[in-house]
Protein backbone atom coordinates (compact mmCIF):
# COMPACT_ATOMS: atom_id res chain seq x y z
CA UNK A 1 -3.34 12.66 -36.69
CA UNK A 2 -2.73 15.81 -34.66
CA UNK A 3 -4.70 16.66 -31.51
CA UNK A 4 -4.57 20.01 -29.75
CA UNK A 5 -5.52 21.02 -26.23
CA UNK A 6 -7.83 24.05 -25.75
CA UNK A 7 -4.75 26.28 -25.33
CA UNK A 8 -3.50 25.23 -28.78
CA UNK A 9 -0.68 23.00 -27.50
CA UNK A 10 -0.27 19.74 -29.36
CA UNK A 11 -1.28 16.55 -27.61
CA UNK A 12 1.56 14.02 -27.46
CA UNK A 13 0.83 10.39 -26.65
CA UNK A 14 2.44 8.94 -23.53
CA UNK A 15 4.62 6.46 -25.45
CA UNK A 16 5.83 9.21 -27.77
CA UNK A 17 6.69 11.45 -24.83
CA UNK A 18 8.57 8.61 -23.22
CA UNK A 19 10.69 8.16 -26.33
CA UNK A 20 11.77 11.76 -25.96
CA UNK A 21 13.16 11.19 -22.47
CA UNK A 22 16.90 10.98 -22.01
CA UNK A 23 17.25 7.98 -19.74
CA UNK A 24 15.39 4.74 -19.07
CA UNK A 25 14.84 5.84 -15.47
CA UNK A 26 13.03 8.96 -16.66
CA UNK A 27 10.89 6.84 -18.97
CA UNK A 28 9.80 4.59 -16.09
CA UNK A 29 9.01 7.54 -13.86
CA UNK A 30 6.96 9.20 -16.58
CA UNK A 31 4.95 6.08 -17.37
CA UNK A 32 3.86 5.86 -13.74
CA UNK A 33 2.46 9.37 -13.70
CA UNK A 34 -0.79 10.97 -14.83
CA UNK A 35 -3.15 8.11 -15.57
CA UNK A 36 -2.70 5.90 -12.52
CA UNK A 37 -5.56 7.31 -10.45
CA UNK A 38 -7.85 7.39 -13.47
CA UNK A 39 -7.06 3.79 -14.38
CA UNK A 40 -7.70 2.65 -10.80
CA UNK A 41 -11.01 4.50 -10.70
CA UNK A 42 -12.09 3.11 -14.06
CA UNK A 43 -11.29 -0.40 -12.83
CA UNK A 44 -13.22 0.29 -9.63
CA UNK A 45 -16.24 1.54 -11.56
CA UNK A 46 -16.18 -1.54 -13.77
CA UNK A 47 -16.24 -3.67 -10.62
CA UNK A 48 -19.18 -1.70 -9.21
CA UNK A 49 -21.08 -2.07 -12.49
CA UNK A 50 -20.36 -5.79 -12.89
CA UNK A 51 -21.60 -6.48 -9.35
CA UNK A 52 -24.70 -4.25 -9.67
CA UNK A 53 -23.42 -1.93 -6.94
CA UNK A 54 -23.43 1.40 -8.78
CA UNK A 55 -23.46 2.88 -12.26
CA UNK A 56 -20.61 5.39 -12.57
CA UNK A 57 -18.80 6.34 -15.78
CA UNK A 58 -16.02 8.65 -16.85
CA UNK A 59 -17.33 11.44 -19.03
CA UNK A 60 -15.80 11.44 -22.52
CA UNK A 61 -13.55 14.36 -23.41
CA UNK A 62 -15.25 16.47 -26.12
CA UNK A 63 -13.26 16.72 -29.35
CA UNK A 64 -13.60 19.22 -32.18
CA UNK A 65 -12.51 17.85 -35.57
CA UNK A 66 -11.00 20.47 -37.89
CA UNK A 67 -9.38 18.47 -40.70
CA UNK A 68 -10.71 15.26 -42.26
CA UNK A 69 -9.36 13.47 -45.33
CA UNK A 70 -11.34 10.99 -47.42
CA UNK A 71 -8.87 8.56 -49.04
CA UNK A 72 -11.83 6.37 -50.01
CA UNK A 73 -15.50 7.10 -50.41
CA UNK A 74 -16.26 4.65 -47.61
CA UNK A 75 -13.54 5.84 -45.22
CA UNK A 76 -12.62 9.04 -43.42
CA UNK A 77 -9.29 9.83 -41.73
CA UNK A 78 -9.12 12.51 -39.04
CA UNK A 79 -5.95 14.54 -39.60
CA UNK A 80 -6.33 17.26 -36.97
CA UNK A 81 -8.57 17.75 -33.95
CA UNK A 82 -8.72 19.74 -30.70
CA UNK A 83 -9.58 18.61 -27.20
CA UNK A 84 -12.30 21.01 -26.08
CA UNK A 85 -12.30 22.41 -22.58
CA UNK A 86 -14.42 20.07 -20.47
CA UNK A 87 -17.31 21.97 -18.89
CA UNK A 88 -17.93 19.71 -15.92
CA UNK A 89 -16.13 17.04 -13.88
CA UNK A 90 -14.54 13.66 -14.64
CA UNK A 91 -17.15 11.19 -13.39
CA UNK A 92 -20.87 10.95 -12.72
CA UNK A 93 -23.40 8.23 -11.98
CA UNK A 94 -26.02 6.83 -9.64
CA UNK A 95 -25.67 4.95 -6.35
CA UNK A 96 -28.41 4.11 -3.85
CA UNK A 97 -30.74 6.47 -5.66
CA UNK A 98 -28.27 9.36 -5.30
CA UNK A 99 -26.64 11.28 -8.11
CA UNK A 100 -22.82 11.26 -7.84
CA UNK A 101 -20.55 13.78 -9.52
CA UNK A 102 -16.83 13.99 -8.86
CA UNK A 103 -13.43 15.04 -10.10
CA UNK A 104 -10.21 13.02 -9.75
CA UNK A 105 -6.87 14.81 -9.40
CA UNK A 106 -3.27 13.88 -8.57
CA UNK A 107 -0.29 15.83 -7.30
CA UNK A 108 3.37 15.01 -6.69
CA UNK A 109 3.47 17.54 -3.85
CA UNK A 110 3.88 16.05 -0.39
CA UNK A 111 2.73 18.97 1.76
CA UNK A 112 -0.10 20.60 -0.18
CA UNK A 113 -2.62 20.16 -3.00
CA UNK A 114 -2.47 22.97 -5.62
CA UNK A 115 -5.81 24.58 -6.46
CA UNK A 116 -4.54 25.23 -9.97
CA UNK A 117 -5.48 21.59 -10.60
CA UNK A 118 -9.08 22.80 -10.79
CA UNK A 119 -10.93 25.23 -13.05
CA UNK A 120 -13.58 27.82 -12.30
CA UNK A 121 -16.19 26.04 -14.42
CA UNK A 122 -15.66 22.82 -12.45
CA UNK A 123 -16.24 24.64 -9.17
CA UNK A 124 -19.39 26.23 -10.58
CA UNK A 125 -20.61 22.85 -11.80
CA UNK A 126 -20.15 21.27 -8.38
CA UNK A 127 -22.01 24.17 -6.79
CA UNK A 128 -24.91 23.50 -9.18
CA UNK A 129 -24.90 19.80 -8.30
CA UNK A 130 -25.04 20.62 -4.59
CA UNK A 131 -27.99 22.96 -5.15
CA UNK A 132 -29.86 20.02 -6.68
CA UNK A 133 -28.99 17.89 -3.62
CA UNK A 134 -26.60 15.66 -5.55
CA UNK A 135 -23.37 14.35 -4.02
CA UNK A 136 -20.34 16.23 -5.34
CA UNK A 137 -16.78 15.56 -4.23
CA UNK A 138 -13.20 15.19 -5.36
CA UNK A 139 -10.87 12.21 -5.14
CA UNK A 140 -7.35 13.53 -4.61
CA UNK A 141 -4.17 11.49 -4.79
CA UNK A 142 -0.79 12.39 -3.33
CA UNK A 143 1.12 10.21 -5.78
CA UNK A 144 4.49 10.60 -4.04
CA UNK A 145 3.12 9.11 -0.80
CA UNK A 146 0.43 6.84 -2.25
CA UNK A 147 -2.31 8.51 -0.19
CA UNK A 148 -5.83 9.01 -1.54
CA UNK A 149 -8.52 11.22 -0.01
CA UNK A 150 -12.13 12.14 -0.69
CA UNK A 151 -13.03 15.75 -0.03
CA UNK A 152 -16.62 16.96 -0.22
CA UNK A 153 -17.19 19.72 -2.77
CA UNK A 154 -18.37 22.00 0.01
CA UNK A 155 -14.88 22.11 1.50
CA UNK A 156 -13.18 22.46 -1.89
CA UNK A 157 -15.41 25.43 -2.68
CA UNK A 158 -14.43 27.06 0.62
CA UNK A 159 -10.72 26.66 -0.17
CA UNK A 160 -11.33 27.94 -3.71
CA UNK A 161 -13.10 31.05 -2.41
CA UNK A 162 -10.26 31.63 0.06
CA UNK A 163 -7.84 31.68 -2.87
CA UNK A 164 -10.07 34.06 -4.85
CA UNK A 165 -10.13 36.39 -1.85
CA UNK A 166 -6.34 36.58 -1.83
CA UNK A 167 -5.55 33.54 0.31
CA UNK A 168 -3.15 30.68 -0.36
CA UNK A 169 -3.28 28.94 -3.76
CA UNK A 170 -3.22 25.45 -2.34
CA UNK A 171 -4.77 23.26 0.33
CA UNK A 172 -2.26 22.21 2.97
CA UNK A 173 -1.85 18.49 3.65
CA UNK A 174 -3.06 19.12 7.20
CA UNK A 175 -6.21 20.78 5.89
CA UNK A 176 -6.81 17.85 3.58
CA UNK A 177 -6.48 15.42 6.49
CA UNK A 178 -8.86 17.47 8.66
CA UNK A 179 -11.60 17.88 6.04
CA UNK A 180 -11.37 14.65 4.04
CA UNK A 181 -11.76 10.88 4.23
CA UNK A 182 -8.74 8.70 3.57
CA UNK A 183 -9.13 5.68 1.28
CA UNK A 184 -6.84 2.67 1.16
CA UNK A 185 -5.89 0.96 -2.10
CA UNK A 186 -7.37 -2.53 -2.29
CA UNK A 187 -7.60 -5.38 -4.75
CA UNK A 188 -11.25 -5.54 -5.79
CA UNK A 189 -12.32 -2.83 -5.97
CA UNK A 190 -9.09 -0.86 -6.24
CA UNK A 191 -10.37 2.38 -4.72
CA UNK A 192 -13.51 1.60 -2.77
CA UNK A 193 -14.74 5.18 -2.59
CA UNK A 194 -18.37 4.11 -2.09
CA UNK A 195 -17.54 3.31 1.54
CA UNK A 196 -17.08 7.04 2.00
CA UNK A 197 -20.14 7.85 -0.11
CA UNK A 198 -22.17 5.68 2.28
CA UNK A 199 -21.08 7.96 5.11
CA UNK A 200 -21.95 11.07 3.10
CA UNK A 201 -25.42 9.69 2.38
CA UNK A 202 -26.04 8.80 6.02
CA UNK A 203 -25.12 12.26 7.29
CA UNK A 204 -27.04 14.12 4.54
């Protein structure tokens, strides 16, 4: 089965990409990238749900199927499909009667967080959530240093508008530290971001 991203590029599974690497060291490095933050957040959300703390889920990626084969009357095999461009953010849910909506992003950069990690429609979506008095934020990971921060959407929008007005195309690490909340990795839950959400609710 062939999947395509919205730009037409073929989707290649992680294990297949790893097989294309030249050395074992490159394979190990690749396998530790990309999905780590997402996996930790999914595990955290499962913990919250199991302990009746919050209901937060990752939004499924919309897929458009373009080629289906029917080898049997009772079975269908998808031969080709495209990942559609997601129109909102990664996660949403409810906690303490508040609507939560957030995006999770990683970077290997040590001194800044590239704004190219985000899309215009995601910024617009977070603006809409804020207008409805929901809590919108981003969870950003500096994978090379193991640091994780929560930045309120309000600040992200300000940095985004700065870029659109001709300013820098990234958020400096210092700016992240000044405008965000740092989260430590734990055991259960892995990324206890609701501790920060509690603070956001109290100051709202």
